[in-house]
Amino acid sequence: MALSAVIHQFIVQLSHVDRGVYESLDLRAARHPSESEEFLCARVLAYCLEHREGLAFSRGLADPDQPALEVRDLTGRIQAWIEIGTPDAARLHRASKAAARVAVYTHRDARRYWDSLAGERIHRAEALELRGLDRALVAALVARLERRMAFDLSVADGVLYLTLGGESFTGPVTAHRLGA
């Protein structure tokens, strides 16, 4: 018998000062049986950081040819391909050909991951937006993960301020460009 996805609901009060985005989000994310809790939490944080018209969770791990998050135009064409974790150079090469904008949010050792991409053949490598999520912040969210949860997330000067159940956590989002 195959395991089915678990649906998680996140109610997020988002204040993204850096982008001027102030929204109340009611997100439902399906967690694939092979998806780690860290990946799910990184995916939700990336969704909040990327929030805009047309942003959606894709089929993700259920369809390996799709990104974790995507923005499509009215014709269905992918405008933004947003990956989570540590996608390999070949996947980023394909993504850069398929979408005008490619971003990666890693919740692992960002510096090691970025170093592994240096010198690899990636279409428009200089345009990739690579971001490292603070590992301690992701771990704090994972430790409190429930099927239904609410939290406040503020972003100012590249720092995340997360308030969950009366506790506050902070952590930077580091940005990197290949060849920079």
N, C-alpha and C. Protein backbone atom coordinates (compact mmCIF):
# COMPACT_ATOMS: atom_id res chain seq x y z
N MET A 1 0.84 -1.17 0.00
CA MET A 1 0.00 0.00 0.00
C MET A 1 0.89 1.24 0.00
N ALA A 2 0.64 2.14 -0.93
CA ALA A 2 1.44 3.36 -1.05
C ALA A 2 1.04 4.37 0.00
N LEU A 3 2.02 5.06 0.51
CA LEU A 3 1.76 6.12 1.48
C LEU A 3 1.24 7.34 0.73
N SER A 4 0.35 8.09 1.35
CA SER A 4 -0.17 9.29 0.71
C SER A 4 0.45 10.53 1.35
N ALA A 5 0.29 11.64 0.66
CA ALA A 5 0.82 12.91 1.14
C ALA A 5 0.05 13.36 2.38
N VAL A 6 0.73 14.08 3.25
CA VAL A 6 0.13 14.67 4.44
C VAL A 6 -0.05 16.16 4.16
N ILE A 7 -1.24 16.66 4.40
CA ILE A 7 -1.52 18.07 4.16
C ILE A 7 -1.22 18.87 5.44
N HIS A 8 -0.43 19.92 5.28
CA HIS A 8 -0.12 20.83 6.39
C HIS A 8 -0.74 22.19 6.06
N GLN A 9 -1.33 22.82 7.07
CA GLN A 9 -1.89 24.15 6.90
C GLN A 9 -1.05 25.15 7.69
N PHE A 10 -0.67 26.22 7.03
CA PHE A 10 0.12 27.28 7.66
C PHE A 10 -0.63 28.60 7.50
N ILE A 11 -0.94 29.22 8.63
CA ILE A 11 -1.53 30.56 8.63
C ILE A 11 -0.38 31.50 8.96
N VAL A 12 -0.04 32.38 8.02
CA VAL A 12 1.14 33.22 8.17
C VAL A 12 0.75 34.70 8.04
N GLN A 13 1.15 35.48 9.02
CA GLN A 13 1.05 36.93 8.93
C GLN A 13 2.41 37.39 8.41
N LEU A 14 2.46 37.77 7.16
CA LEU A 14 3.70 38.12 6.49
C LEU A 14 3.89 39.63 6.40
N SER A 15 5.05 40.08 6.86
CA SER A 15 5.46 41.48 6.72
C SER A 15 6.84 41.47 6.10
N HIS A 16 6.88 41.57 4.79
CA HIS A 16 8.16 41.56 4.07
C HIS A 16 8.53 43.01 3.76
N VAL A 17 9.17 43.64 4.73
CA VAL A 17 9.50 45.05 4.64
C VAL A 17 10.40 45.33 3.44
N ASP A 18 11.34 44.44 3.16
CA ASP A 18 12.28 44.65 2.05
C ASP A 18 11.57 44.76 0.71
N ARG A 19 10.44 44.08 0.54
CA ARG A 19 9.71 44.09 -0.73
C ARG A 19 8.39 44.85 -0.65
N GLY A 20 8.02 45.34 0.54
CA GLY A 20 6.75 46.05 0.68
C GLY A 20 5.53 45.13 0.55
N VAL A 21 5.66 43.90 1.03
CA VAL A 21 4.57 42.92 0.96
C VAL A 21 4.05 42.68 2.37
N TYR A 22 2.75 42.91 2.55
CA TYR A 22 2.10 42.72 3.84
C TYR A 22 0.82 41.92 3.59
N GLU A 23 0.83 40.65 3.94
CA GLU A 23 -0.28 39.76 3.60
C GLU A 23 -0.58 38.79 4.73
N SER A 24 -1.82 38.32 4.74
CA SER A 24 -2.22 37.18 5.57
C SER A 24 -2.32 36.00 4.62
N LEU A 25 -1.52 34.98 4.86
CA LEU A 25 -1.48 33.83 3.98
C LEU A 25 -2.11 32.62 4.66
N ASP A 26 -2.90 31.87 3.91
CA ASP A 26 -3.47 30.61 4.37
C ASP A 26 -2.96 29.56 3.39
N LEU A 27 -1.87 28.89 3.76
CA LEU A 27 -1.19 27.96 2.85
C LEU A 27 -1.51 26.52 3.23
N ARG A 28 -1.72 25.74 2.22
CA ARG A 28 -1.86 24.29 2.39
C ARG A 28 -0.78 23.65 1.53
N ALA A 29 0.09 22.92 2.19
CA ALA A 29 1.20 22.28 1.50
C ALA A 29 1.11 20.77 1.70
N ALA A 30 1.14 20.04 0.61
CA ALA A 30 1.13 18.58 0.68
C ALA A 30 2.56 18.11 0.87
N ARG A 31 2.78 17.33 1.91
CA ARG A 31 4.11 16.78 2.18
C ARG A 31 4.19 15.37 1.64
N HIS A 32 4.96 15.19 0.59
CA HIS A 32 5.16 13.89 -0.04
C HIS A 32 5.79 12.94 0.98
N PRO A 33 5.47 11.64 0.94
CA PRO A 33 6.04 10.70 1.92
C PRO A 33 7.57 10.71 1.98
N SER A 34 8.23 11.02 0.87
CA SER A 34 9.70 11.03 0.87
C SER A 34 10.29 12.40 1.22
N GLU A 35 9.43 13.38 1.47
CA GLU A 35 9.89 14.74 1.76
C GLU A 35 10.20 14.90 3.25
N SER A 36 11.36 15.43 3.56
CA SER A 36 11.73 15.64 4.96
C SER A 36 10.98 16.85 5.53
N GLU A 37 10.90 16.90 6.84
CA GLU A 37 10.28 18.04 7.50
C GLU A 37 11.08 19.31 7.22
N GLU A 38 12.41 19.20 7.13
CA GLU A 38 13.26 20.35 6.83
C GLU A 38 12.93 20.92 5.45
N PHE A 39 12.76 20.02 4.49
CA PHE A 39 12.43 20.45 3.13
C PHE A 39 11.08 21.17 3.11
N LEU A 40 10.09 20.60 3.79
CA LEU A 40 8.77 21.22 3.86
C LEU A 40 8.86 22.61 4.46
N CYS A 41 9.54 22.75 5.59
CA CYS A 41 9.64 24.06 6.25
C CYS A 41 10.41 25.05 5.38
N ALA A 42 11.46 24.60 4.72
CA ALA A 42 12.20 25.49 3.80
C ALA A 42 11.31 25.90 2.64
N ARG A 43 10.48 25.00 2.15
CA ARG A 43 9.56 25.30 1.05
C ARG A 43 8.55 26.36 1.47
N VAL A 44 8.03 26.25 2.69
CA VAL A 44 7.06 27.24 3.18
C VAL A 44 7.73 28.60 3.39
N LEU A 45 8.93 28.61 3.96
CA LEU A 45 9.64 29.88 4.13
C LEU A 45 9.95 30.52 2.78
N ALA A 46 10.37 29.71 1.80
CA ALA A 46 10.64 30.24 0.47
C ALA A 46 9.37 30.81 -0.15
N TYR A 47 8.25 30.13 0.06
CA TYR A 47 6.97 30.64 -0.45
C TYR A 47 6.71 32.04 0.12
N CYS A 48 6.90 32.18 1.41
CA CYS A 48 6.67 33.49 2.05
C CYS A 48 7.62 34.55 1.49
N LEU A 49 8.88 34.19 1.31
CA LEU A 49 9.87 35.15 0.80
C LEU A 49 9.60 35.52 -0.65
N GLU A 50 9.01 34.62 -1.41
CA GLU A 50 8.74 34.83 -2.83
C GLU A 50 7.32 35.30 -3.11
N HIS A 51 6.49 35.42 -2.09
CA HIS A 51 5.06 35.67 -2.29
C HIS A 51 4.80 36.77 -3.33
N ARG A 52 3.99 36.41 -4.32
CA ARG A 52 3.58 37.34 -5.39
C ARG A 52 2.41 36.72 -6.14
N GLU A 53 1.81 37.49 -7.00
CA GLU A 53 0.71 37.01 -7.84
C GLU A 53 1.17 35.83 -8.69
N GLY A 54 0.41 34.76 -8.66
CA GLY A 54 0.71 33.60 -9.50
C GLY A 54 1.61 32.56 -8.87
N LEU A 55 2.17 32.82 -7.70
CA LEU A 55 3.05 31.85 -7.04
C LEU A 55 2.23 30.66 -6.55
N ALA A 56 2.76 29.46 -6.78
CA ALA A 56 2.05 28.26 -6.35
C ALA A 56 3.03 27.15 -6.01
N PHE A 57 2.60 26.28 -5.11
CA PHE A 57 3.34 25.05 -4.88
C PHE A 57 3.11 24.18 -6.12
N SER A 58 4.14 23.59 -6.65
CA SER A 58 3.96 22.69 -7.77
C SER A 58 3.73 21.28 -7.23
N ARG A 59 3.72 20.31 -8.12
CA ARG A 59 3.59 18.92 -7.67
C ARG A 59 4.87 18.45 -7.01
N GLY A 60 5.93 19.24 -7.13
CA GLY A 60 7.18 19.01 -6.40
C GLY A 60 7.73 17.60 -6.55
N LEU A 61 7.95 16.93 -5.43
CA LEU A 61 8.55 15.61 -5.44
C LEU A 61 7.70 14.58 -6.17
N ALA A 62 6.40 14.82 -6.29
CA ALA A 62 5.52 13.90 -7.01
C ALA A 62 5.77 13.97 -8.51
N ASP A 63 6.33 15.07 -8.98
CA ASP A 63 6.68 15.24 -10.39
C ASP A 63 8.10 15.81 -10.45
N PRO A 64 9.09 14.95 -10.63
CA PRO A 64 10.49 15.40 -10.56
C PRO A 64 10.91 16.40 -11.64
N ASP A 65 10.07 16.61 -12.65
CA ASP A 65 10.41 17.57 -13.69
C ASP A 65 9.88 18.97 -13.37
N GLN A 66 9.29 19.14 -12.21
CA GLN A 66 8.75 20.43 -11.80
C GLN A 66 9.54 21.00 -10.63
N PRO A 67 9.56 22.34 -10.50
CA PRO A 67 10.22 22.95 -9.34
C PRO A 67 9.36 22.81 -8.10
N ALA A 68 9.90 23.17 -6.96
CA ALA A 68 9.13 23.14 -5.71
C ALA A 68 8.06 24.22 -5.72
N LEU A 69 8.41 25.40 -6.25
CA LEU A 69 7.49 26.53 -6.37
C LEU A 69 7.61 27.07 -7.78
N GLU A 70 6.52 27.64 -8.27
CA GLU A 70 6.57 28.20 -9.61
C GLU A 70 5.63 29.38 -9.73
N VAL A 71 5.96 30.25 -10.68
CA VAL A 71 5.07 31.34 -11.06
C VAL A 71 4.81 31.16 -12.55
N ARG A 72 3.55 31.05 -12.89
CA ARG A 72 3.16 30.90 -14.30
C ARG A 72 2.36 32.12 -14.75
N ASP A 73 2.47 32.43 -16.04
CA ASP A 73 1.66 33.51 -16.57
C ASP A 73 0.30 32.94 -16.99
N LEU A 74 -0.56 33.77 -17.58
CA LEU A 74 -1.91 33.34 -17.92
C LEU A 74 -1.93 32.29 -19.03
N THR A 75 -0.85 32.17 -19.79
CA THR A 75 -0.78 31.15 -20.84
C THR A 75 -0.27 29.83 -20.29
N GLY A 76 0.16 29.81 -19.04
CA GLY A 76 0.69 28.59 -18.44
C GLY A 76 2.20 28.47 -18.53
N ARG A 77 2.85 29.44 -19.13
CA ARG A 77 4.31 29.42 -19.26
C ARG A 77 4.96 29.77 -17.92
N ILE A 78 6.00 29.04 -17.56
CA ILE A 78 6.69 29.28 -16.29
C ILE A 78 7.50 30.58 -16.37
N GLN A 79 7.22 31.49 -15.44
CA GLN A 79 7.94 32.75 -15.35
C GLN A 79 9.07 32.67 -14.33
N ALA A 80 8.82 31.95 -13.22
CA ALA A 80 9.84 31.80 -12.17
C ALA A 80 9.86 30.34 -11.73
N TRP A 81 11.05 29.79 -11.68
CA TRP A 81 11.29 28.40 -11.26
C TRP A 81 12.05 28.51 -9.95
N ILE A 82 11.45 28.04 -8.86
CA ILE A 82 12.05 28.20 -7.54
C ILE A 82 12.29 26.82 -6.94
N GLU A 83 13.55 26.53 -6.70
CA GLU A 83 13.97 25.23 -6.17
C GLU A 83 14.26 25.35 -4.67
N ILE A 84 14.16 24.22 -3.99
CA ILE A 84 14.49 24.12 -2.57
C ILE A 84 15.55 23.04 -2.43
N GLY A 85 16.49 23.25 -1.54
CA GLY A 85 17.50 22.22 -1.28
C GLY A 85 18.77 22.44 -2.06
N THR A 86 19.25 21.37 -2.68
CA THR A 86 20.53 21.42 -3.40
C THR A 86 20.41 20.77 -4.78
N PRO A 87 19.64 21.38 -5.68
CA PRO A 87 19.51 20.80 -7.01
C PRO A 87 20.86 20.80 -7.73
N ASP A 88 21.08 19.78 -8.55
CA ASP A 88 22.36 19.69 -9.25
C ASP A 88 22.42 20.65 -10.43
N ALA A 89 23.61 20.81 -10.98
CA ALA A 89 23.84 21.77 -12.06
C ALA A 89 22.99 21.46 -13.29
N ALA A 90 22.81 20.19 -13.61
CA ALA A 90 22.01 19.83 -14.79
C ALA A 90 20.56 20.29 -14.62
N ARG A 91 20.02 20.15 -13.43
CA ARG A 91 18.65 20.61 -13.17
C ARG A 91 18.55 22.13 -13.28
N LEU A 92 19.53 22.84 -12.76
CA LEU A 92 19.53 24.30 -12.84
C LEU A 92 19.71 24.76 -14.28
N HIS A 93 20.50 24.04 -15.05
CA HIS A 93 20.70 24.34 -16.47
C HIS A 93 19.35 24.25 -17.21
N ARG A 94 18.64 23.15 -16.96
CA ARG A 94 17.32 22.95 -17.58
C ARG A 94 16.33 24.01 -17.11
N ALA A 95 16.34 24.34 -15.82
CA ALA A 95 15.43 25.35 -15.28
C ALA A 95 15.69 26.72 -15.90
N SER A 96 16.97 27.07 -16.08
CA SER A 96 17.32 28.37 -16.65
C SER A 96 16.89 28.51 -18.10
N LYS A 97 16.76 27.39 -18.77
CA LYS A 97 16.26 27.42 -20.15
C LYS A 97 14.73 27.49 -20.18
N ALA A 98 14.08 26.98 -19.14
CA ALA A 98 12.62 26.92 -19.10
C ALA A 98 11.96 28.17 -18.54
N ALA A 99 12.67 28.94 -17.71
CA ALA A 99 12.06 30.08 -17.03
C ALA A 99 12.98 31.30 -17.09
N ALA A 100 12.36 32.47 -17.09
CA ALA A 100 13.12 33.72 -17.12
C ALA A 100 13.88 33.95 -15.82
N ARG A 101 13.35 33.45 -14.73
CA ARG A 101 13.96 33.66 -13.42
C ARG A 101 14.07 32.33 -12.69
N VAL A 102 15.27 32.05 -12.13
CA VAL A 102 15.49 30.83 -11.35
C VAL A 102 16.09 31.22 -10.01
N ALA A 103 15.46 30.72 -8.94
CA ALA A 103 15.95 30.97 -7.59
C ALA A 103 16.07 29.64 -6.86
N VAL A 104 17.05 29.55 -5.97
CA VAL A 104 17.25 28.35 -5.16
C VAL A 104 17.36 28.79 -3.71
N TYR A 105 16.57 28.14 -2.86
CA TYR A 105 16.64 28.35 -1.41
C TYR A 105 17.18 27.06 -0.82
N THR A 106 18.36 27.14 -0.24
CA THR A 106 18.93 25.95 0.38
C THR A 106 18.87 26.06 1.90
N HIS A 107 18.54 24.95 2.52
CA HIS A 107 18.45 24.88 3.98
C HIS A 107 19.58 23.99 4.50
N ARG A 108 20.52 23.71 3.65
CA ARG A 108 21.67 22.88 4.01
C ARG A 108 22.90 23.79 4.11
N ASP A 109 24.06 23.22 3.98
CA ASP A 109 25.31 23.99 4.04
C ASP A 109 25.43 24.82 2.75
N ALA A 110 24.97 26.06 2.82
CA ALA A 110 24.88 26.91 1.63
C ALA A 110 26.24 27.11 0.97
N ARG A 111 27.26 27.43 1.75
CA ARG A 111 28.58 27.69 1.17
C ARG A 111 29.09 26.47 0.41
N ARG A 112 28.99 25.30 0.97
CA ARG A 112 29.45 24.07 0.30
C ARG A 112 28.65 23.85 -1.00
N TYR A 113 27.35 24.07 -0.93
CA TYR A 113 26.51 23.89 -2.11
C TYR A 113 26.92 24.86 -3.21
N TRP A 114 27.06 26.14 -2.85
CA TRP A 114 27.44 27.14 -3.85
C TRP A 114 28.80 26.81 -4.47
N ASP A 115 29.73 26.37 -3.64
CA ASP A 115 31.06 25.98 -4.15
C ASP A 115 30.95 24.81 -5.13
N SER A 116 30.02 23.90 -4.88
CA SER A 116 29.86 22.74 -5.77
C SER A 116 29.35 23.14 -7.15
N LEU A 117 28.68 24.29 -7.25
CA LEU A 117 28.15 24.75 -8.53
C LEU A 117 29.17 25.55 -9.34
N ALA A 118 30.20 26.06 -8.69
CA ALA A 118 31.20 26.89 -9.37
C ALA A 118 31.84 26.10 -10.51
N GLY A 119 31.86 26.71 -11.68
CA GLY A 119 32.50 26.09 -12.83
C GLY A 119 31.63 25.10 -13.58
N GLU A 120 30.43 24.81 -13.07
CA GLU A 120 29.53 23.88 -13.75
C GLU A 120 28.85 24.57 -14.93
N ARG A 121 28.44 23.77 -15.90
CA ARG A 121 27.76 24.30 -17.09
C ARG A 121 26.29 24.51 -16.73
N ILE A 122 25.93 25.79 -16.55
CA ILE A 122 24.55 26.16 -16.23
C ILE A 122 24.18 27.35 -17.11
N HIS A 123 23.11 27.19 -17.86
CA HIS A 123 22.62 28.26 -18.72
C HIS A 123 22.32 29.50 -17.88
N ARG A 124 22.84 30.64 -18.27
CA ARG A 124 22.65 31.91 -17.56
C ARG A 124 23.00 31.78 -16.07
N ALA A 125 24.11 31.13 -15.77
CA ALA A 125 24.52 30.89 -14.38
C ALA A 125 24.62 32.17 -13.57
N GLU A 126 25.06 33.25 -14.21
CA GLU A 126 25.23 34.52 -13.49
C GLU A 126 23.89 35.11 -13.04
N ALA A 127 22.79 34.67 -13.63
CA ALA A 127 21.47 35.19 -13.27
C ALA A 127 20.79 34.38 -12.16
N LEU A 128 21.34 33.22 -11.82
CA LEU A 128 20.75 32.41 -10.75
C LEU A 128 20.71 33.20 -9.44
N GLU A 129 19.59 33.09 -8.74
CA GLU A 129 19.46 33.72 -7.43
C GLU A 129 19.59 32.63 -6.39
N LEU A 130 20.71 32.58 -5.72
CA LEU A 130 20.98 31.55 -4.72
C LEU A 130 20.83 32.16 -3.33
N ARG A 131 20.02 31.51 -2.50
CA ARG A 131 19.79 32.03 -1.15
C ARG A 131 19.94 30.90 -0.13
N GLY A 132 20.63 31.22 0.94
CA GLY A 132 20.80 30.27 2.04
C GLY A 132 19.90 30.64 3.21
N LEU A 133 19.03 29.71 3.59
CA LEU A 133 18.19 29.92 4.77
C LEU A 133 18.98 29.55 6.02
N ASP A 134 18.78 30.29 7.08
CA ASP A 134 19.47 30.01 8.33
C ASP A 134 19.05 28.64 8.85
N ARG A 135 20.03 27.77 9.03
CA ARG A 135 19.75 26.39 9.43
C ARG A 135 19.10 26.29 10.81
N ALA A 136 19.49 27.16 11.74
CA ALA A 136 18.91 27.13 13.08
C ALA A 136 17.44 27.57 13.05
N LEU A 137 17.12 28.54 12.21
CA LEU A 137 15.74 28.99 12.08
C LEU A 137 14.86 27.88 11.49
N VAL A 138 15.35 27.22 10.46
CA VAL A 138 14.60 26.10 9.87
C VAL A 138 14.42 25.00 10.92
N ALA A 139 15.47 24.70 11.67
CA ALA A 139 15.39 23.65 12.70
C ALA A 139 14.38 24.02 13.78
N ALA A 140 14.30 25.30 14.15
CA ALA A 140 13.34 25.74 15.16
C ALA A 140 11.91 25.54 14.65
N LEU A 141 11.68 25.83 13.38
CA LEU A 141 10.36 25.63 12.80
C LEU A 141 10.02 24.14 12.72
N VAL A 142 11.00 23.34 12.33
CA VAL A 142 10.80 21.88 12.26
C VAL A 142 10.45 21.31 13.63
N ALA A 143 11.13 21.77 14.67
CA ALA A 143 10.90 21.26 16.03
C ALA A 143 9.49 21.54 16.52
N ARG A 144 8.84 22.53 15.93
CA ARG A 144 7.49 22.92 16.36
C ARG A 144 6.44 22.60 15.30
N LEU A 145 6.82 21.84 14.29
CA LEU A 145 5.94 21.55 13.16
C LEU A 145 4.72 20.73 13.59
N GLU A 146 3.57 21.21 13.16
CA GLU A 146 2.30 20.52 13.38
C GLU A 146 1.53 20.53 12.07
N ARG A 147 0.47 19.75 12.01
CA ARG A 147 -0.34 19.70 10.79
C ARG A 147 -1.04 21.04 10.53
N ARG A 148 -1.39 21.74 11.60
CA ARG A 148 -1.98 23.08 11.48
C ARG A 148 -1.21 23.99 12.41
N MET A 149 -0.68 25.07 11.85
CA MET A 149 0.07 26.00 12.69
C MET A 149 -0.02 27.41 12.14
N ALA A 150 0.17 28.37 13.04
CA ALA A 150 0.13 29.78 12.67
C ALA A 150 1.40 30.44 13.20
N PHE A 151 1.94 31.35 12.40
CA PHE A 151 3.10 32.11 12.84
C PHE A 151 3.16 33.44 12.13
N ASP A 152 3.91 34.36 12.71
CA ASP A 152 4.18 35.66 12.10
C ASP A 152 5.58 35.63 11.54
N LEU A 153 5.73 36.17 10.34
CA LEU A 153 7.05 36.23 9.71
C LEU A 153 7.28 37.64 9.19
N SER A 154 8.34 38.26 9.71
CA SER A 154 8.75 39.57 9.23
C SER A 154 10.12 39.43 8.58
N VAL A 155 10.32 40.19 7.52
CA VAL A 155 11.60 40.19 6.82
C VAL A 155 12.05 41.64 6.69
N ALA A 156 13.23 41.92 7.21
CA ALA A 156 13.78 43.28 7.13
C ALA A 156 15.29 43.18 6.98
N ASP A 157 15.83 43.86 6.01
CA ASP A 157 17.27 43.87 5.76
C ASP A 157 17.86 42.46 5.64
N GLY A 158 17.11 41.56 4.99
CA GLY A 158 17.60 40.21 4.77
C GLY A 158 17.60 39.32 5.99
N VAL A 159 16.90 39.71 7.04
CA VAL A 159 16.81 38.90 8.26
C VAL A 159 15.36 38.49 8.47
N LEU A 160 15.16 37.20 8.77
CA LEU A 160 13.83 36.69 9.07
C LEU A 160 13.58 36.76 10.58
N TYR A 161 12.40 37.25 10.94
CA TYR A 161 11.97 37.30 12.32
C TYR A 161 10.69 36.47 12.40
N LEU A 162 10.77 35.33 13.04
CA LEU A 162 9.67 34.38 13.10
C LEU A 162 9.14 34.33 14.53
N THR A 163 7.82 34.51 14.68
CA THR A 163 7.18 34.41 15.99
C THR A 163 6.16 33.28 15.91
N LEU A 164 6.35 32.31 16.79
CA LEU A 164 5.53 31.11 16.77
C LEU A 164 5.23 30.69 18.20
N GLY A 165 3.96 30.69 18.57
CA GLY A 165 3.57 30.25 19.91
C GLY A 165 4.23 31.03 21.03
N GLY A 166 4.39 32.32 20.87
CA GLY A 166 5.00 33.15 21.91
C GLY A 166 6.51 33.13 21.91
N GLU A 167 7.12 32.32 21.06
CA GLU A 167 8.59 32.28 20.95
C GLU A 167 9.02 33.03 19.69
N SER A 168 10.18 33.65 19.77
CA SER A 168 10.72 34.39 18.62
C SER A 168 12.06 33.80 18.20
N PHE A 169 12.25 33.76 16.89
CA PHE A 169 13.48 33.23 16.30
C PHE A 169 13.91 34.16 15.18
N THR A 170 15.21 34.30 15.02
CA THR A 170 15.71 35.14 13.93
C THR A 170 16.81 34.40 13.18
N GLY A 171 16.99 34.79 11.94
CA GLY A 171 18.05 34.21 11.15
C GLY A 171 18.16 34.92 9.81
N PRO A 172 19.36 35.06 9.31
CA PRO A 172 19.55 35.75 8.03
C PRO A 172 19.22 34.85 6.83
N VAL A 173 18.94 35.50 5.72
CA VAL A 173 18.88 34.83 4.43
C VAL A 173 20.07 35.38 3.67
N THR A 174 21.03 34.53 3.37
CA THR A 174 22.23 34.96 2.68
C THR A 174 22.04 34.78 1.18
N ALA A 175 22.51 35.76 0.43
CA ALA A 175 22.38 35.73 -1.03
C ALA A 175 23.75 35.51 -1.66
N HIS A 176 23.73 34.85 -2.81
CA HIS A 176 24.97 34.53 -3.50
C HIS A 176 24.72 34.53 -5.01
N ARG A 177 25.70 34.93 -5.77
CA ARG A 177 25.65 34.85 -7.24
C ARG A 177 26.88 34.08 -7.68
N LEU A 178 26.69 33.19 -8.63
CA LEU A 178 27.82 32.44 -9.17
C LEU A 178 28.73 33.39 -9.95
N GLY A 179 30.00 33.22 -9.81
CA GLY A 179 30.95 34.08 -10.51
C GLY A 179 31.14 35.43 -9.87
N ALA A 180 30.49 35.65 -8.71
CA ALA A 180 30.63 36.96 -8.05
C ALA A 180 31.74 36.92 -7.03
